[in-house]
Protein backbone atom coordinates (compact mmCIF):
# COMPACT_ATOMS: atom_id res chain seq x y z
CA MET A 1 28.27 -8.87 -27.21
CA ARG A 2 30.01 -7.25 -23.95
CA PHE A 3 27.74 -7.14 -21.30
CA LEU A 4 27.86 -5.17 -18.08
CA VAL A 5 25.44 -6.59 -15.14
CA THR A 6 24.56 -4.79 -11.82
CA GLY A 7 23.50 -6.90 -8.79
CA ALA A 8 25.93 -9.89 -9.94
CA SER A 9 25.24 -11.89 -6.80
CA GLY A 10 21.65 -11.47 -6.38
CA LEU A 11 19.32 -13.65 -7.92
CA VAL A 12 17.94 -12.27 -11.31
CA GLY A 13 21.76 -10.66 -11.99
CA HIS A 14 23.49 -13.92 -10.90
CA TYR A 15 21.00 -16.01 -13.46
CA PHE A 16 21.74 -13.66 -16.44
CA CYS A 17 25.57 -13.40 -15.96
CA ARG A 18 25.72 -17.22 -15.94
CA LYS A 19 23.32 -17.75 -19.04
CA LEU A 20 25.37 -14.82 -20.85
CA LEU A 21 28.72 -16.35 -20.34
CA ALA A 22 27.16 -19.72 -21.29
CA GLN A 23 26.20 -18.40 -24.63
CA GLY A 24 29.81 -17.00 -25.05
CA HIS A 25 29.19 -13.61 -24.60
CA GLY A 26 31.75 -11.19 -22.65
CA VAL A 27 30.33 -10.08 -19.09
CA ALA A 28 31.30 -7.96 -16.57
CA PRO A 29 29.61 -8.77 -13.35
CA LEU A 30 29.40 -5.89 -10.82
CA SER A 31 28.29 -6.86 -7.42
CA ASN A 32 28.81 -5.02 -3.72
CA GLU A 33 28.75 -6.99 -0.52
CA HIS A 34 28.23 -10.28 -1.79
CA LYS A 35 30.33 -12.57 -3.92
CA ALA A 36 29.02 -14.02 -6.98
CA GLY A 37 32.27 -16.38 -7.89
CA LEU A 38 32.24 -15.39 -11.45
CA GLU A 39 35.20 -14.79 -13.49
CA GLY A 40 35.96 -10.96 -13.70
CA GLU A 41 33.72 -10.15 -10.78
CA ILE A 42 34.07 -5.91 -10.04
CA SER A 43 33.53 -4.92 -6.43
CA VAL A 44 31.49 -1.55 -6.38
CA ASP A 45 28.69 0.68 -4.76
CA ILE A 46 26.46 1.42 -7.63
CA CYS A 47 26.10 4.97 -5.69
CA ASP A 48 29.70 5.93 -6.45
CA SER A 49 29.02 7.70 -9.88
CA GLY A 50 32.62 8.08 -10.83
CA ARG A 51 33.53 4.58 -10.43
CA ILE A 52 30.35 3.51 -12.27
CA CYS A 53 31.08 5.51 -15.00
CA ALA A 54 35.06 4.64 -14.94
CA ILE A 55 34.04 0.87 -15.16
CA ALA A 56 31.77 1.13 -18.08
CA GLY A 57 34.30 3.25 -19.91
CA GLU A 58 37.38 0.23 -19.48
CA VAL A 59 34.39 -2.28 -20.20
CA GLU A 60 32.52 -0.37 -23.25
CA PRO A 61 29.18 -2.29 -22.93
CA ASP A 62 27.30 -3.15 -25.70
CA VAL A 63 24.37 -3.68 -23.06
CA ILE A 64 23.93 -2.57 -19.31
CA VAL A 65 21.63 -4.97 -17.48
CA HIS A 66 20.67 -2.81 -14.44
CA CYS A 67 19.13 -5.56 -11.77
CA ALA A 68 20.76 -4.27 -8.60
CA ALA A 69 18.65 -3.03 -6.18
CA MET A 70 17.20 -2.78 -2.50
CA THR A 71 14.16 -5.15 -2.78
CA ASN A 72 12.98 -5.79 1.06
CA VAL A 73 9.59 -3.92 0.29
CA ASP A 74 9.41 -3.62 4.43
CA GLN A 75 12.99 -2.06 4.79
CA CYS A 76 12.55 0.19 1.70
CA GLU A 77 9.45 1.44 4.29
CA LEU A 78 11.63 2.09 7.24
CA LEU A 79 14.23 3.32 4.96
CA PRO A 80 12.87 5.40 2.73
CA GLU A 81 16.34 7.68 2.10
CA LEU A 82 18.49 5.01 1.14
CA ALA A 83 15.68 3.14 -0.75
CA LYS A 84 15.69 6.17 -2.62
CA LYS A 85 19.47 6.42 -2.98
CA VAL A 86 19.79 2.77 -4.38
CA ASN A 87 16.85 2.41 -6.44
CA TRP A 88 16.48 6.00 -7.95
CA GLU A 89 19.50 7.75 -7.51
CA ALA A 90 21.97 5.18 -8.50
CA THR A 91 19.76 3.97 -11.44
CA LYS A 92 20.86 7.96 -12.75
CA ASN A 93 24.58 6.66 -12.32
CA ILE A 94 23.54 3.50 -14.35
CA CYS A 95 22.11 5.45 -17.00
CA SER A 96 24.92 8.06 -17.34
CA ALA A 97 27.20 5.11 -17.61
CA ALA A 98 25.00 3.71 -20.84
CA ASN A 99 25.18 6.80 -22.60
CA GLU A 100 28.32 7.59 -22.59
CA ASN A 101 29.13 4.26 -23.86
CA GLY A 102 26.31 4.19 -26.30
CA ALA A 103 24.92 1.22 -24.80
CA LYS A 104 21.62 -0.34 -24.14
CA LEU A 105 20.11 -0.28 -20.92
CA VAL A 106 17.78 -2.99 -19.83
CA PHE A 107 16.18 -2.25 -16.48
CA ILE A 108 14.83 -4.74 -13.92
CA SER A 109 11.74 -3.07 -12.66
CA THR A 110 8.59 -4.59 -10.78
CA SER A 111 4.61 -4.63 -10.88
CA PHE A 112 5.00 -2.72 -7.60
CA VAL A 113 4.79 0.19 -9.79
CA PHE A 114 1.28 0.12 -9.51
CA GLY A 115 -1.54 -0.15 -6.60
CA ASN A 116 -4.50 -1.75 -6.35
CA SER A 117 -6.32 -2.73 -9.52
CA ALA A 118 -8.99 -4.77 -10.88
CA ASP A 119 -8.45 -4.21 -14.35
CA GLU A 120 -5.43 -5.84 -16.24
CA LEU A 121 -2.98 -3.28 -16.61
CA ASP A 122 -0.88 -3.01 -19.71
CA GLU A 123 2.26 -0.80 -20.34
CA THR A 124 0.12 2.10 -21.17
CA ALA A 125 -1.18 2.38 -17.80
CA ALA A 126 0.03 4.82 -15.23
CA PRO A 127 1.82 3.85 -12.14
CA ALA A 128 0.55 4.33 -8.88
CA PRO A 129 2.67 2.95 -6.09
CA ILE A 130 1.31 2.14 -3.01
CA ASN A 131 4.97 1.92 -0.93
CA THR A 132 8.02 3.20 -0.80
CA TYR A 133 9.89 0.47 -2.76
CA GLY A 134 7.09 1.15 -6.03
CA MET A 135 7.63 4.50 -5.50
CA THR A 136 11.50 4.53 -5.68
CA LYS A 137 11.37 1.90 -9.22
CA MET A 138 8.95 4.21 -10.79
CA LEU A 139 10.92 7.37 -10.08
CA ALA A 140 14.08 5.38 -11.77
CA GLU A 141 11.52 3.97 -14.78
CA GLY A 142 10.79 7.73 -15.11
CA TYR A 143 14.25 8.88 -15.28
CA ILE A 144 15.57 6.09 -17.39
CA ALA A 145 12.36 7.08 -20.13
CA GLY A 146 13.49 10.50 -19.86
CA ASN A 147 17.37 10.36 -20.18
CA ALA A 148 18.39 7.09 -21.82
CA GLY A 149 19.37 6.54 -25.10
CA ASP A 150 18.28 2.88 -25.85
CA TYR A 151 16.51 1.39 -23.04
CA ILE A 152 14.41 -1.54 -22.29
CA ILE A 153 12.43 -1.68 -18.68
CA LEU A 154 11.34 -5.28 -17.67
CA ARG A 155 8.59 -5.38 -15.08
CA ILE A 156 8.37 -8.36 -13.28
CA ASP A 157 6.73 -9.96 -9.92
CA GLN A 158 8.53 -12.83 -7.77
CA PRO A 159 11.34 -14.03 -9.65
CA PHE A 160 12.02 -17.76 -9.02
CA PHE A 161 14.55 -20.27 -9.86
CA ARG A 162 16.98 -21.90 -7.66
CA PRO A 163 19.03 -19.39 -5.43
CA GLU A 164 22.70 -19.73 -4.74
CA ALA A 165 23.91 -20.63 -1.13
CA TRP A 166 24.47 -17.16 -0.35
CA GLN A 167 21.35 -15.53 -1.67
CA LYS A 168 17.82 -14.91 -0.07
CA PRO A 169 15.54 -17.90 -0.37
CA ASP A 170 12.70 -17.29 -3.02
CA MET A 171 9.50 -18.45 -2.36
CA VAL A 172 9.80 -21.80 -3.79
CA GLY A 173 13.01 -22.16 -1.49
CA ARG A 174 11.52 -21.15 1.67
CA THR A 175 8.17 -23.11 1.23
CA LEU A 176 10.31 -26.34 0.65
CA SER A 177 12.21 -25.44 3.98
CA GLN A 178 9.30 -25.05 5.74
CA LEU A 179 7.75 -28.14 4.22
CA ARG A 180 10.76 -30.57 4.92
CA GLU A 181 10.18 -29.75 8.63
CA ASN A 182 6.90 -31.76 8.60
CA LYS A 183 5.24 -28.76 10.61
CA PRO A 184 2.34 -26.66 9.94
CA PHE A 185 3.20 -23.06 8.79
CA PRO A 186 0.98 -20.05 7.69
CA VAL A 187 0.94 -18.72 4.12
CA PHE A 188 -0.82 -15.40 3.07
CA MET A 189 -4.04 -15.59 1.23
CA ASP A 190 -4.43 -11.99 0.65
CA TRP A 191 -1.12 -11.68 -0.75
CA HIS A 192 -1.29 -11.78 -4.94
CA ASN A 193 1.38 -12.23 -7.27
CA GLN A 194 2.45 -13.46 -10.77
CA PRO A 195 5.33 -15.36 -10.35
CA THR A 196 8.14 -15.06 -12.88
CA TYR A 197 10.19 -17.92 -13.70
CA LEU A 198 13.84 -16.98 -14.16
CA PRO A 199 14.74 -19.07 -17.36
CA ASP A 200 11.67 -17.64 -19.01
CA LEU A 201 12.37 -14.12 -18.02
CA PHE A 202 16.01 -14.40 -19.65
CA GLU A 203 14.57 -15.81 -22.55
CA ILE A 204 12.37 -13.03 -23.33
CA ALA A 205 15.09 -9.97 -22.45
CA TYR A 206 17.34 -11.55 -24.86
CA LYS A 207 14.62 -11.82 -27.23
CA LEU A 208 14.05 -8.32 -27.04
CA ILE A 209 17.69 -7.27 -27.18
CA GLU A 210 18.27 -9.38 -30.07
CA LYS A 211 15.23 -7.56 -32.19
CA GLY A 212 16.48 -4.02 -31.09
CA GLN A 213 12.96 -3.52 -29.19
CA ALA A 214 13.09 -0.57 -26.71
CA GLY A 215 10.50 0.46 -24.37
CA ILE A 216 8.49 -0.56 -21.47
CA PHE A 217 7.37 -4.41 -21.27
CA HIS A 218 5.65 -6.45 -18.89
CA ALA A 219 7.28 -10.07 -18.28
CA VAL A 220 5.54 -11.43 -15.43
CA GLY A 221 4.18 -14.67 -15.15
CA GLN A 222 0.69 -15.28 -17.12
CA GLU A 223 -0.66 -16.74 -13.93
CA LYS A 224 -1.75 -14.74 -10.84
CA ILE A 225 -2.14 -16.72 -7.68
CA SER A 226 -2.12 -16.35 -3.58
CA ARG A 227 1.01 -17.20 -1.82
CA TYR A 228 -1.09 -19.36 -0.55
CA ASP A 229 -2.49 -21.29 -3.46
CA TRP A 230 1.19 -21.08 -4.48
CA ALA A 231 2.60 -22.97 -1.56
CA ILE A 232 0.06 -25.74 -2.47
CA LYS A 233 1.30 -26.22 -5.71
CA ILE A 234 5.00 -25.88 -4.35
CA ALA A 235 4.10 -28.84 -1.85
CA ASN A 236 2.49 -31.02 -4.68
CA ALA A 237 4.83 -30.46 -7.30
CA TYR A 238 7.60 -31.77 -4.81
CA GLY A 239 5.57 -34.71 -3.12
CA PHE A 240 4.79 -33.12 0.37
CA ASP A 241 1.87 -32.87 2.14
CA PRO A 242 -0.26 -29.31 1.23
CA SER A 243 -1.97 -29.48 4.10
CA LEU A 244 1.24 -28.19 6.18
CA ALA A 245 0.52 -24.92 4.22
CA ARG A 246 -2.38 -22.95 6.40
CA PRO A 247 -4.27 -20.23 5.06
CA ALA A 248 -3.05 -16.55 7.05
CA SER A 249 -3.72 -13.11 6.60
CA SER A 250 -0.97 -10.07 6.45
CA SER A 251 -3.52 -8.29 8.35
CA ASP A 252 -2.27 -10.27 11.32
CA SER A 253 1.52 -9.39 10.92
CA LYS A 254 3.19 -6.34 11.63
CA LEU A 255 4.27 -5.46 8.21
CA SER A 256 5.64 -1.93 7.47
CA ALA A 257 4.63 -1.82 3.56
CA LYS A 258 1.44 -2.22 2.06
CA ARG A 259 1.23 -4.80 -0.95
CA PRO A 260 -0.39 -3.98 -4.39
CA ASN A 261 -2.98 -6.42 -5.59
CA ASN A 262 -2.78 -6.15 -9.61
CA ARG A 263 -2.69 -8.12 -12.51
CA LEU A 264 -0.34 -6.85 -15.76
CA SER A 265 -1.05 -7.78 -19.18
CA THR A 266 1.84 -9.74 -20.83
CA GLY A 267 0.11 -9.35 -24.33
CA LYS A 268 3.25 -7.40 -25.57
CA VAL A 269 5.65 -9.49 -24.86
CA LYS A 270 3.91 -12.37 -26.39
CA SER A 271 3.43 -10.61 -29.59
CA ILE A 272 7.01 -9.42 -30.18
CA CYS A 273 8.84 -12.65 -28.52
CA GLY A 274 6.23 -15.67 -29.04
CA MET A 275 6.39 -16.40 -25.26
CA ARG A 276 5.90 -15.60 -21.60
CA PRO A 277 6.78 -17.11 -18.64
CA ARG A 278 4.90 -20.21 -18.32
CA PRO A 279 2.34 -20.96 -15.78
CA ILE A 280 3.35 -21.96 -12.34
CA ASP A 281 3.15 -25.80 -12.50
CA ALA A 282 4.88 -26.07 -15.81
CA ALA A 283 7.92 -23.88 -14.41
CA LEU A 284 7.89 -26.02 -10.93
CA ALA A 285 8.25 -29.18 -13.36
CA ASP A 286 11.01 -27.69 -15.17
CA LEU A 287 12.52 -26.63 -11.76
CA LYS A 288 12.16 -29.84 -10.14
CA ALA A 289 13.45 -31.53 -13.44
CA GLN A 290 16.68 -29.71 -13.13
CA GLU A 291 17.63 -30.02 -10.02
CA ALA A 292 17.17 -34.01 -10.35
């Protein structure tokens, strides 16, 4: 198949590009400020609708994987108009390009489209974001659902794998850097996530495409955990002193955006794909083995 991937220099987009290329697919990687070092990489601003549609017309993709986004949650809160432009308005351009070429659109979304909830949320739950980032992704989801001919929306949370040198460190990378300094460091106990292991996310996305599936899917990790407990697991997995991670509260930090506390159900993905992102301990063991 022919794939067009936006955000090709980012953690998710770059991983998807490398895996698709390894499988022998044609891939047109799109990036903006950062270069991913991929063959055929195209530099483009996704907010440029004319350029996006022109590129898609040249590539004639079977699938467009839209990973590009403004993901810094606090920056989105401080710059809401820019966040809307990048996360919502630009998605309209990608959607138009997919429709014009009869391509399936795969959109990487987020658990942040929901707010706080004590109940497990499935794909039919109504979004209720509590920050600008979540709101812009919710708007993008709504536009795709109402306008795309064929689409998959994948909601994920805190993706992790092995960032490249130019990429922003993920939770595992940041924690390992702090552990290597052998000095105590604070980690929030009141932020909870369902960390998503990238190799599993790719397999789920690929299976859904192969099976001709469409709609919204929760592809988050199956394990909900606090950042503090996640840091402890990282320390144990890599043989560092877990006591270096010290419990802290986000209320002690001057952050612009609220973070939701919710849990997403992965039953739909499990029933269709026969898998879901693995638990954190298993993912960390696999990640460490790959780095050996």
